């Protein structure tokens, strides 16, 4: 029969290789939700078993707010794996819409889900009443859930703010680490002391409260000396230097600086007051400095450390300096006079000069010191082009890290950024250190050289050194070596030194990655 229907392809469609493989994404908002992760995992495991899905990977964000994607390394790694094609799963299991995020813009939440959808990865909300199948009803439910998740954050924020205002009004402490010479004492609901909280510790019971107490007599004496010195005419920088010279430890474990002294001089805790809402960051948005009319203040909440008249004198000096703030023209005039007197300029010379604003003032006003120098026609000795090209080197490291993470299965996708470069973590606990070194002309040897420095933090494992060309624009070659072969002291390398010391050199990143994969495979086999 010529007109009879015939089956052209009798074979059933193939099941996708990863169709029954899934990853789970789990987010816990605060460190106090100690059972949240286990509960989410149990629910997701039950859903996976019911639908015959195999969980092959987990992405977890612990103690991270869902308002923004910043610092949510679990979700960032998930999206990177999906976009790069490294994902070996076709489903992402999430407890509910709120665990995916409480983004205030629901389009942002939808955008991250759409990234997965474009890569063929389906996001499944295991505890929701709707099936995330793309139907109109499902989309309507999902959008409502996103709006509800965002609204919960706004509602909780308002309630927390009201509660904090009431607690501060009663004289209790709200916040984390107190200032120098101050301690946090934990008291129960009946006013009995539970002891002092150390740095990083938090109260365990909601009914407990925290009050501020004065620190040791030695610390109190230092605070009083700071106020007395400032009122007597010393600048914050001079006070910080004197404290560092005497070996006085700060409450943060770092050397004293201008900002730390300034915060002490403005802190009303030292006259017995507690302040709240001087600054705010509503729903993790941009930090705002609030006017004094909005401040929440409780006077006499703790023992006064500094006499009120001394504190008021310090505030008058600070306010007078603000009113007398120099204009940009006057700042440049003072800088020009100093340069003519000394013949040169530097941050140390500016800070040492009497009657001169601090170097940090010029940096804040003009962006950096070199911009201020250019405005008065001063060209500092030395080559500072490395500062301008720092962003290019960071981008090169980011790009190389992304190529390695996308092509080498043993490597985690997250780049650990360091001052000297960065490193990638391996599954065996070791690292791949990435370093970009500039080319410069040696004045005595009259040849181009590169300087290799060892970073302060040592990461064991493999090292990749990228040498830049003579213009410091493009990579000259890629050196594959081990981290323990980095010199103890800065090594100035000429071309012959590089050829003798490092044999594994490659012209292109693709050749480097192939050699890296061979080395990792050989080490894994051993």
Protein backbone atom coordinates (compact mmCIF):
# COMPACT_ATOMS: atom_id res chain seq x y z
CA UNK A 1 0.00 0.00 0.00
CA UNK A 2 1.66 3.12 -1.20
CA UNK A 3 -0.32 5.43 1.02
CA UNK A 4 0.05 3.45 4.26
CA UNK A 5 1.72 5.13 7.25
CA UNK A 6 5.17 3.78 8.01
CA UNK A 7 7.42 4.35 11.00
CA UNK A 8 10.57 6.03 9.72
CA UNK A 9 12.58 5.58 12.97
CA UNK A 10 11.53 2.79 15.28
CA UNK A 11 14.27 3.45 17.85
CA UNK A 12 13.39 5.18 21.11
CA UNK A 13 15.17 8.46 21.86
CA UNK A 14 18.32 8.06 23.90
CA UNK A 15 18.27 9.14 27.50
CA UNK A 16 20.72 11.92 28.17
CA UNK A 17 23.85 10.70 29.91
CA UNK A 18 23.49 13.05 32.90
CA UNK A 19 19.68 13.12 33.06
CA UNK A 20 19.53 11.29 36.40
CA UNK A 21 22.55 13.01 37.92
CA UNK A 22 21.97 16.01 40.18
CA UNK A 23 23.80 18.56 42.30
CA UNK A 24 22.39 20.00 45.48
CA UNK A 25 22.62 23.66 46.48
CA UNK A 26 22.28 24.43 50.18
CA UNK A 27 22.38 27.81 51.91
CA UNK A 28 22.39 28.60 55.61
CA UNK A 29 21.77 32.25 56.52
CA UNK A 30 23.55 32.44 59.89
CA UNK A 31 26.01 30.33 61.85
CA UNK A 32 23.36 29.79 64.54
CA UNK A 33 21.23 27.62 62.25
CA UNK A 34 23.33 24.60 63.14
CA UNK A 35 20.81 22.02 61.89
CA UNK A 36 19.73 23.88 58.76
CA UNK A 37 22.24 22.22 56.43
CA UNK A 38 21.48 18.72 57.72
CA UNK A 39 17.73 19.32 57.41
CA UNK A 40 18.06 20.59 53.85
CA UNK A 41 20.26 17.65 52.87
CA UNK A 42 17.79 15.17 54.36
CA UNK A 43 14.85 16.66 52.46
CA UNK A 44 16.79 16.84 49.20
CA UNK A 45 18.01 13.24 49.64
CA UNK A 46 14.44 12.08 50.15
CA UNK A 47 13.31 13.88 46.99
CA UNK A 48 16.24 12.45 45.00
CA UNK A 49 15.47 8.90 46.14
CA UNK A 50 11.80 9.28 45.25
CA UNK A 51 12.64 10.53 41.74
CA UNK A 52 15.61 8.17 41.21
CA UNK A 53 18.16 10.98 41.03
CA UNK A 54 21.80 10.52 42.00
CA UNK A 55 23.38 13.42 43.91
CA UNK A 56 26.92 13.72 42.58
CA UNK A 57 27.96 17.16 43.85
CA UNK A 58 27.15 19.61 46.63
CA UNK A 59 27.43 23.40 46.64
CA UNK A 60 27.09 24.91 50.11
CA UNK A 61 27.02 28.47 51.45
CA UNK A 62 27.31 28.53 55.23
CA UNK A 63 26.31 31.61 57.23
CA UNK A 64 25.73 33.72 54.11
CA UNK A 65 22.83 36.11 53.52
CA UNK A 66 20.69 35.44 50.46
CA UNK A 67 20.22 39.14 49.64
CA UNK A 68 23.19 39.31 47.28
CA UNK A 69 25.34 36.89 45.32
CA UNK A 70 28.53 38.49 46.67
CA UNK A 71 30.46 36.13 48.98
CA UNK A 72 28.15 33.23 48.08
CA UNK A 73 30.98 31.10 46.75
CA UNK A 74 28.82 27.99 46.60
CA UNK A 75 26.34 29.55 44.18
CA UNK A 76 29.13 31.27 42.24
CA UNK A 77 30.96 27.95 41.81
CA UNK A 78 27.72 26.30 40.70
CA UNK A 79 27.08 28.95 38.03
CA UNK A 80 30.72 28.83 36.88
CA UNK A 81 30.61 25.05 36.48
CA UNK A 82 27.34 25.26 34.58
CA UNK A 83 28.53 28.00 32.22
CA UNK A 84 31.95 26.46 31.60
CA UNK A 85 30.49 23.06 30.71
CA UNK A 86 32.23 21.36 33.65
CA UNK A 87 28.91 20.36 35.21
CA UNK A 88 28.43 16.58 35.09
CA UNK A 89 24.78 16.79 36.14
CA UNK A 90 21.48 17.84 34.55
CA UNK A 91 19.59 18.92 37.69
CA UNK A 92 20.13 21.24 40.63
CA UNK A 93 18.13 20.38 43.74
CA UNK A 94 17.26 23.25 46.11
CA UNK A 95 15.02 23.03 49.15
CA UNK A 96 12.83 26.01 48.19
CA UNK A 97 12.89 29.35 46.41
CA UNK A 98 14.16 31.23 49.47
CA UNK A 99 17.27 29.01 49.70
CA UNK A 100 18.12 30.00 46.11
CA UNK A 101 18.11 33.58 47.36
CA UNK A 102 16.13 36.44 48.83
CA UNK A 103 17.14 38.86 46.09
CA UNK A 104 15.28 42.16 46.36
CA UNK A 105 15.08 42.28 42.57
CA UNK A 106 13.25 39.10 41.55
CA UNK A 107 14.71 39.41 38.05
CA UNK A 108 18.14 38.70 39.55
CA UNK A 109 16.92 35.43 41.01
CA UNK A 110 15.36 34.50 37.67
CA UNK A 111 18.55 35.44 35.83
CA UNK A 112 20.71 32.98 37.77
CA UNK A 113 18.17 30.23 37.22
CA UNK A 114 18.03 31.08 33.50
CA UNK A 115 21.83 30.67 33.27
CA UNK A 116 21.36 27.06 34.36
CA UNK A 117 18.44 26.58 31.96
CA UNK A 118 20.50 27.81 28.98
CA UNK A 119 23.15 25.19 29.79
CA UNK A 120 20.53 22.43 29.93
CA UNK A 121 20.54 22.21 33.74
CA UNK A 122 17.15 22.25 35.46
CA UNK A 123 16.65 23.88 38.86
CA UNK A 124 14.22 21.88 41.03
CA UNK A 125 12.69 23.24 44.26
CA UNK A 126 12.08 20.11 46.29
CA UNK A 127 9.79 21.48 49.01
CA UNK A 128 7.59 23.75 46.89
CA UNK A 129 4.00 22.88 45.98
CA UNK A 130 4.56 23.62 42.28
CA UNK A 131 6.57 21.73 39.71
CA UNK A 132 9.20 23.92 38.06
CA UNK A 133 8.22 22.82 34.56
CA UNK A 134 7.93 26.22 32.85
CA UNK A 135 4.14 26.20 32.71
CA UNK A 136 2.24 29.50 33.28
CA UNK A 137 0.95 28.30 36.68
CA UNK A 138 4.45 27.24 37.72
CA UNK A 139 5.93 30.58 36.65
CA UNK A 140 3.22 32.48 38.53
CA UNK A 141 3.80 30.47 41.71
CA UNK A 142 7.56 30.84 41.42
CA UNK A 143 7.42 34.61 40.97
CA UNK A 144 5.09 34.93 43.96
CA UNK A 145 7.51 32.88 46.05
CA UNK A 146 10.38 35.13 45.01
CA UNK A 147 8.41 38.21 46.00
CA UNK A 148 7.50 36.59 49.32
CA UNK A 149 11.15 35.68 49.99
CA UNK A 150 12.21 39.28 49.33
CA UNK A 151 9.38 40.64 51.50
CA UNK A 152 10.37 38.38 54.40
CA UNK A 153 13.83 39.98 54.39
CA UNK A 154 12.36 43.48 54.40
CA UNK A 155 9.94 42.59 57.20
CA UNK A 156 12.66 40.94 59.30
CA UNK A 157 14.96 43.92 58.77
CA UNK A 158 12.34 46.33 60.11
CA UNK A 159 11.66 44.11 63.14
CA UNK A 160 15.36 43.67 63.91
CA UNK A 161 15.95 47.43 63.68
CA UNK A 162 13.07 48.17 66.05
CA UNK A 163 14.34 45.54 68.49
CA UNK A 164 17.88 46.92 68.39
CA UNK A 165 16.63 50.45 69.06
CA UNK A 166 14.74 49.22 72.13
CA UNK A 167 17.75 47.22 73.41
CA UNK A 168 20.07 50.22 73.02
CA UNK A 169 17.51 52.42 74.77
CA UNK A 170 17.76 50.07 77.77
CA UNK A 171 21.54 50.49 77.87
CA UNK A 172 22.60 47.19 76.32
CA UNK A 173 25.26 46.69 73.65
CA UNK A 174 24.30 45.87 70.04
CA UNK A 175 27.14 44.93 67.74
CA UNK A 176 30.37 42.98 67.57
CA UNK A 177 33.89 43.83 68.68
CA UNK A 178 33.99 46.87 71.01
CA UNK A 179 36.67 49.54 70.96
CA UNK A 180 40.01 49.56 72.72
CA UNK A 181 39.82 49.30 76.55
CA UNK A 182 36.23 48.04 76.39
CA UNK A 183 34.89 44.56 77.17
CA UNK A 184 31.58 42.81 76.62
CA UNK A 185 29.93 41.23 79.64
CA UNK A 186 27.11 38.72 79.19
CA UNK A 187 24.21 38.93 81.65
CA UNK A 188 21.08 36.80 81.93
CA UNK A 189 17.46 37.91 82.15
CA UNK A 190 17.70 38.56 85.89
CA UNK A 191 20.84 40.73 85.56
CA UNK A 192 23.37 38.17 86.78
CA UNK A 193 26.73 38.03 85.04
CA UNK A 194 27.59 35.05 82.84
CA UNK A 195 31.17 36.19 82.28
CA UNK A 196 32.94 38.18 79.60
CA UNK A 197 32.79 37.46 75.88
CA UNK A 198 36.07 37.15 74.04
CA UNK A 199 36.68 38.24 70.47
CA UNK A 200 34.51 36.20 68.09
CA UNK A 201 32.20 34.85 70.79
CA UNK A 202 28.44 35.50 70.75
CA UNK A 203 25.64 35.02 73.21
CA UNK A 204 23.83 31.68 73.02
CA UNK A 205 20.40 32.59 74.45
CA UNK A 206 18.06 35.22 73.07
CA UNK A 207 17.10 36.24 76.61
CA UNK A 208 20.71 37.14 77.48
CA UNK A 209 22.01 40.67 77.01
CA UNK A 210 25.44 42.24 76.51
CA UNK A 211 26.68 45.27 78.42
CA UNK A 212 29.92 47.20 77.96
CA UNK A 213 32.48 47.38 80.74
CA UNK A 214 35.77 49.22 81.08
CA UNK A 215 38.89 47.21 80.32
CA UNK A 216 42.10 46.84 82.28
CA UNK A 217 43.63 49.83 84.11
CA UNK A 218 46.57 49.77 81.67
CA UNK A 219 44.26 50.09 78.66
CA UNK A 220 42.22 52.83 80.35
CA UNK A 221 45.44 54.78 80.98
CA UNK A 222 46.35 54.50 77.28
CA UNK A 223 42.94 55.83 76.19
CA UNK A 224 43.25 58.78 78.55
CA UNK A 225 46.76 59.46 77.26
CA UNK A 226 45.47 59.44 73.65
CA UNK A 227 42.83 62.07 74.45
CA UNK A 228 45.25 64.16 76.51
CA UNK A 229 47.88 64.08 73.73
CA UNK A 230 45.36 65.00 71.05
CA UNK A 231 43.92 67.90 73.05
CA UNK A 232 47.51 68.96 73.78
CA UNK A 233 48.24 69.37 70.07
CA UNK A 234 49.47 66.01 68.79
CA UNK A 235 48.09 64.68 65.50
CA UNK A 236 46.59 61.21 65.15
CA UNK A 237 49.53 59.97 63.08
CA UNK A 238 52.06 61.06 65.71
CA UNK A 239 50.03 59.37 68.46
CA UNK A 240 49.86 56.13 66.47
CA UNK A 241 53.61 56.18 65.84
CA UNK A 242 54.37 56.72 69.50
CA UNK A 243 52.13 53.83 70.53
CA UNK A 244 53.78 51.54 67.98
CA UNK A 245 57.25 52.65 69.14
CA UNK A 246 56.31 51.77 72.74
CA UNK A 247 55.07 48.34 71.63
CA UNK A 248 51.47 48.94 72.74
CA UNK A 249 49.21 46.30 71.18
CA UNK A 250 45.91 47.39 69.67
CA UNK A 251 42.65 45.54 70.23
CA UNK A 252 42.68 44.32 66.63
CA UNK A 253 46.16 42.82 66.78
CA UNK A 254 47.55 45.17 64.09
CA UNK A 255 49.77 48.27 64.40
CA UNK A 256 48.09 51.53 65.33
CA UNK A 257 47.22 53.90 62.49
CA UNK A 258 45.50 57.22 61.83
CA UNK A 259 42.02 55.72 61.41
CA UNK A 260 42.15 53.72 64.65
CA UNK A 261 43.12 56.78 66.70
CA UNK A 262 40.37 58.80 64.99
CA UNK A 263 37.73 56.22 65.88
CA UNK A 264 38.79 56.29 69.53
CA UNK A 265 38.60 60.09 69.64
CA UNK A 266 35.02 60.03 68.29
CA UNK A 267 33.75 57.11 70.36
CA UNK A 268 31.20 58.20 72.97
CA UNK A 269 31.56 54.86 74.77
CA UNK A 270 34.50 56.42 76.61
CA UNK A 271 32.19 58.97 78.30
CA UNK A 272 29.61 56.31 79.19
CA UNK A 273 27.24 56.65 76.20
CA UNK A 274 26.05 53.98 73.78
CA UNK A 275 25.32 55.01 70.19
CA UNK A 276 23.46 53.12 67.51
CA UNK A 277 22.54 53.79 63.87
CA UNK A 278 25.39 56.18 63.10
CA UNK A 279 25.72 54.29 59.83
CA UNK A 280 23.37 51.87 58.12
CA UNK A 281 23.43 49.40 55.26
CA UNK A 282 19.79 48.58 54.57
CA UNK A 283 19.41 45.08 53.15
CA UNK A 284 23.14 44.81 52.41
CA UNK A 285 23.07 47.84 50.12
CA UNK A 286 25.46 50.79 50.05
CA UNK A 287 26.62 52.00 53.46
CA UNK A 288 25.04 55.32 54.48
CA UNK A 289 26.28 57.78 57.11
CA UNK A 290 23.21 58.96 59.01
CA UNK A 291 22.71 62.43 60.44
CA UNK A 292 22.93 63.02 64.18
CA UNK A 293 19.15 63.45 64.39
CA UNK A 294 18.74 59.76 63.54
CA UNK A 295 21.24 58.44 66.08
CA UNK A 296 19.99 56.30 68.95
CA UNK A 297 21.82 57.34 72.11
CA UNK A 298 21.72 56.02 75.69
CA UNK A 299 23.68 58.16 78.13
CA UNK A 300 25.28 56.78 81.27
CA UNK A 301 25.09 53.17 80.10
CA UNK A 302 28.60 52.33 81.33
CA UNK A 303 31.40 53.70 83.44
CA UNK A 304 33.04 56.81 82.01
CA UNK A 305 36.71 56.38 81.08
CA UNK A 306 37.52 59.88 79.78
CA UNK A 307 36.41 63.11 81.54
CA UNK A 308 33.57 64.79 79.69
CA UNK A 309 35.39 68.12 79.34
CA UNK A 310 38.42 66.44 77.72
CA UNK A 311 36.16 64.55 75.31
CA UNK A 312 34.30 67.76 74.40
CA UNK A 313 37.61 69.54 73.76
CA UNK A 314 38.63 66.76 71.38
CA UNK A 315 35.31 67.03 69.50
CA UNK A 316 35.73 70.79 69.14
CA UNK A 317 39.18 70.30 67.62
CA UNK A 318 37.82 67.74 65.16
CA UNK A 319 34.87 69.95 64.19
CA UNK A 320 37.13 72.97 63.77
CA UNK A 321 39.39 71.00 61.45
CA UNK A 322 36.38 69.95 59.39
CA UNK A 323 35.22 73.57 59.08
CA UNK A 324 38.73 74.65 58.14
CA UNK A 325 39.16 71.86 55.62
CA UNK A 326 41.57 73.01 52.97
CA UNK A 327 40.45 73.45 49.41
CA UNK A 328 42.11 71.48 46.63
CA UNK A 329 44.02 74.56 45.50
CA UNK A 330 45.39 75.13 49.00
CA UNK A 331 46.40 71.47 49.30
CA UNK A 332 48.31 71.67 46.02
CA UNK A 333 49.93 74.95 47.08
CA UNK A 334 51.25 73.38 50.29
CA UNK A 335 52.49 70.39 48.30
CA UNK A 336 54.28 72.64 45.79
CA UNK A 337 55.99 74.59 48.58
CA UNK A 338 57.16 71.36 50.23
CA UNK A 339 58.52 70.06 46.92
CA UNK A 340 60.48 73.27 46.32
CA UNK A 341 61.88 73.11 49.86
CA UNK A 342 62.90 69.42 49.78
CA UNK A 343 63.54 68.95 46.08
CA UNK A 344 61.48 65.76 46.06
CA UNK A 345 58.26 64.31 47.47
CA UNK A 346 57.14 61.05 49.07
CA UNK A 347 54.44 59.87 51.43
CA UNK A 348 56.92 59.77 54.33
CA UNK A 349 58.17 63.29 53.57
CA UNK A 350 54.60 64.62 53.52
CA UNK A 351 53.71 62.93 56.81
CA UNK A 352 56.90 64.19 58.53
CA UNK A 353 56.51 67.81 57.44
CA UNK A 354 55.03 70.15 60.04
CA UNK A 355 51.88 71.97 59.03
CA UNK A 356 51.24 69.59 56.12
CA UNK A 357 48.10 67.46 55.77
CA UNK A 358 48.70 63.71 55.86
CA UNK A 359 49.48 61.86 52.64
CA UNK A 360 46.15 60.03 53.04
CA UNK A 361 44.36 63.39 52.64
CA UNK A 362 45.92 63.82 49.19
CA UNK A 363 45.09 60.23 48.28
CA UNK A 364 41.43 60.67 49.22
CA UNK A 365 41.13 64.05 47.48
CA UNK A 366 43.01 63.27 44.23
CA UNK A 367 42.76 59.47 43.99
CA UNK A 368 46.47 58.85 44.67
CA UNK A 369 49.66 60.78 45.30
CA UNK A 370 50.85 60.57 41.70
CA UNK A 371 47.73 62.44 40.55
CA UNK A 372 48.53 65.20 43.03
CA UNK A 373 52.16 65.25 41.89
CA UNK A 374 51.08 65.63 38.27
CA UNK A 375 48.91 68.66 39.12
CA UNK A 376 51.94 70.54 40.48
CA UNK A 377 54.24 69.36 37.68
CA UNK A 378 56.36 67.03 39.81
CA UNK A 379 57.56 63.78 38.24
CA UNK A 380 58.63 61.29 40.94
CA UNK A 381 61.87 59.38 40.31
CA UNK A 382 61.46 55.75 39.43
CA UNK A 383 59.09 53.75 37.24
CA UNK A 384 55.57 53.54 38.63
CA UNK A 385 53.91 52.09 35.54
CA UNK A 386 53.44 48.81 37.42
CA UNK A 387 50.72 50.51 39.45
CA UNK A 388 48.77 51.50 36.33
CA UNK A 389 49.02 48.00 34.85
CA UNK A 390 48.12 46.15 38.05
CA UNK A 391 44.55 45.65 36.85
CA UNK A 392 45.79 44.12 33.57
CA UNK A 393 47.91 41.59 35.48
CA UNK A 394 45.01 40.69 37.75
CA UNK A 395 42.80 40.16 34.69
CA UNK A 396 45.48 37.92 33.15
CA UNK A 397 45.57 35.78 36.30
CA UNK A 398 41.76 35.57 36.38
CA UNK A 399 41.68 34.53 32.71
CA UNK A 400 44.38 31.88 33.15
CA UNK A 401 42.67 30.53 36.27
CA UNK A 402 39.37 30.23 34.40
CA UNK A 403 41.06 28.32 31.53
CA UNK A 404 42.73 25.90 33.94
CA UNK A 405 39.58 25.33 36.01
CA UNK A 406 37.51 24.69 32.88
CA UNK A 407 39.96 22.15 31.43
CA UNK A 408 41.49 20.39 34.44
CA UNK A 409 39.08 18.26 36.45
CA UNK A 410 41.27 18.13 39.60
CA UNK A 411 41.05 21.90 40.09
CA UNK A 412 38.42 23.89 42.00
CA UNK A 413 36.91 26.79 40.05
CA UNK A 414 37.40 29.37 42.83
CA UNK A 415 40.52 31.56 42.57
CA UNK A 416 42.05 32.45 45.94
CA UNK A 417 43.23 36.01 45.34
CA UNK A 418 46.51 37.13 46.93
CA UNK A 419 48.49 40.33 46.88
CA UNK A 420 51.12 38.77 44.62
CA UNK A 421 48.71 36.85 42.40
CA UNK A 422 46.45 33.96 43.27
CA UNK A 423 46.14 30.20 43.59
CA UNK A 424 43.73 27.40 42.72
CA UNK A 425 42.94 24.61 45.16
CA UNK A 426 43.33 20.95 44.15
CA UNK A 427 41.20 18.12 45.44
CA UNK A 428 44.19 16.53 47.20
CA UNK A 429 44.72 19.61 49.38
CA UNK A 430 47.60 21.14 47.41
CA UNK A 431 47.48 24.26 45.24
CA UNK A 432 48.39 25.73 41.88
CA UNK A 433 50.06 29.10 42.48
CA UNK A 434 49.68 31.67 39.67
CA UNK A 435 52.14 34.53 39.35
CA UNK A 436 52.67 37.23 36.70
CA UNK A 437 56.08 38.96 36.69
CA UNK A 438 56.94 42.15 34.81
CA UNK A 439 59.90 42.82 32.57
CA UNK A 440 62.22 45.74 33.35
CA UNK A 441 65.54 47.07 32.13
CA UNK A 442 68.44 46.54 34.52
CA UNK A 443 70.54 49.75 34.61
CA UNK A 444 73.90 48.05 35.39
CA UNK A 445 73.56 44.91 33.30
CA UNK A 446 71.85 46.77 30.44
CA UNK A 447 69.51 43.87 29.72
CA UNK A 448 65.92 42.94 30.40
CA UNK A 449 65.24 41.05 33.62
CA UNK A 450 62.33 39.70 35.65
CA UNK A 451 61.99 39.63 39.45
CA UNK A 452 60.45 36.59 41.13
CA UNK A 453 59.39 37.06 44.76
CA UNK A 454 58.07 34.57 47.29
CA UNK A 455 54.72 35.53 48.82
CA UNK A 456 54.26 35.71 52.58
CA UNK A 457 51.79 32.82 52.59
CA UNK A 458 53.18 29.54 51.34
CA UNK A 459 50.87 27.23 49.37
CA UNK A 460 52.41 23.81 48.64
CA UNK A 461 52.06 22.34 45.18
CA UNK A 462 52.57 23.44 41.59
CA UNK A 463 53.49 26.98 40.50
CA UNK A 464 52.86 28.73 37.19
CA UNK A 465 54.89 31.86 36.45
CA UNK A 466 53.83 34.07 33.54
CA UNK A 467 56.61 36.29 32.18
CA UNK A 468 55.46 39.42 30.39
CA UNK A 469 57.13 40.74 27.24
CA UNK A 470 59.33 43.81 27.07
CA UNK A 471 56.31 46.14 26.82
CA UNK A 472 54.57 44.29 29.70
CA UNK A 473 51.52 43.89 27.50
CA UNK A 474 51.38 40.21 26.53
CA UNK A 475 52.69 36.94 28.05
CA UNK A 476 56.17 36.06 26.81
CA UNK A 477 56.00 32.49 28.08
CA UNK A 478 54.53 30.28 30.83
CA UNK A 479 56.85 28.55 33.32
CA UNK A 480 55.62 25.36 35.00
CA UNK A 481 57.50 24.57 38.19
CA UNK A 482 56.92 23.63 41.84
CA UNK A 483 56.17 26.02 44.68
CA UNK A 484 59.23 24.98 46.69
CA UNK A 485 61.51 26.15 43.86
CA UNK A 486 60.57 29.76 44.54
CA UNK A 487 63.60 31.59 45.97
CA UNK A 488 63.74 32.65 49.61
CA UNK A 489 64.80 36.14 48.55
CA UNK A 490 63.74 38.12 45.45
CA UNK A 491 65.44 36.59 42.42
CA UNK A 492 66.42 38.86 39.52
CA UNK A 493 66.28 36.60 36.47
CA UNK A 494 67.96 37.26 33.14
CA UNK A 495 67.09 35.22 30.07
CA UNK A 496 70.03 32.78 30.57
CA UNK A 497 69.04 32.28 34.23
CA UNK A 498 65.48 31.45 33.21
CA UNK A 499 66.63 28.92 30.59
CA UNK A 500 69.01 27.24 33.05
CA UNK A 501 66.69 27.21 36.09
CA UNK A 502 63.31 26.42 34.50
CA UNK A 503 63.11 23.82 31.73
CA UNK A 504 59.31 23.54 31.45
CA UNK A 505 58.43 26.70 29.51
CA UNK A 506 55.58 27.14 27.04
CA UNK A 507 54.66 29.84 24.54
CA UNK A 508 50.88 29.38 24.73
CA UNK A 509 48.49 28.72 27.58
CA UNK A 510 47.03 25.69 25.78
CA UNK A 511 50.46 24.00 25.80
CA UNK A 512 50.82 24.86 29.49
CA UNK A 513 47.46 23.32 30.38
CA UNK A 514 48.27 20.10 28.50
CA UNK A 515 51.55 19.78 30.42
CA UNK A 516 49.77 20.59 33.67
CA UNK A 517 47.21 17.84 33.05
CA UNK A 518 49.99 15.33 32.36
CA UNK A 519 51.78 16.28 35.59
CA UNK A 520 48.61 16.04 37.67
CA UNK A 521 47.67 12.69 36.09
CA UNK A 522 51.13 11.26 36.77
CA UNK A 523 51.05 12.43 40.38
CA UNK A 524 47.56 10.96 40.82
CA UNK A 525 48.71 7.59 39.45
CA UNK A 526 51.68 7.53 41.83
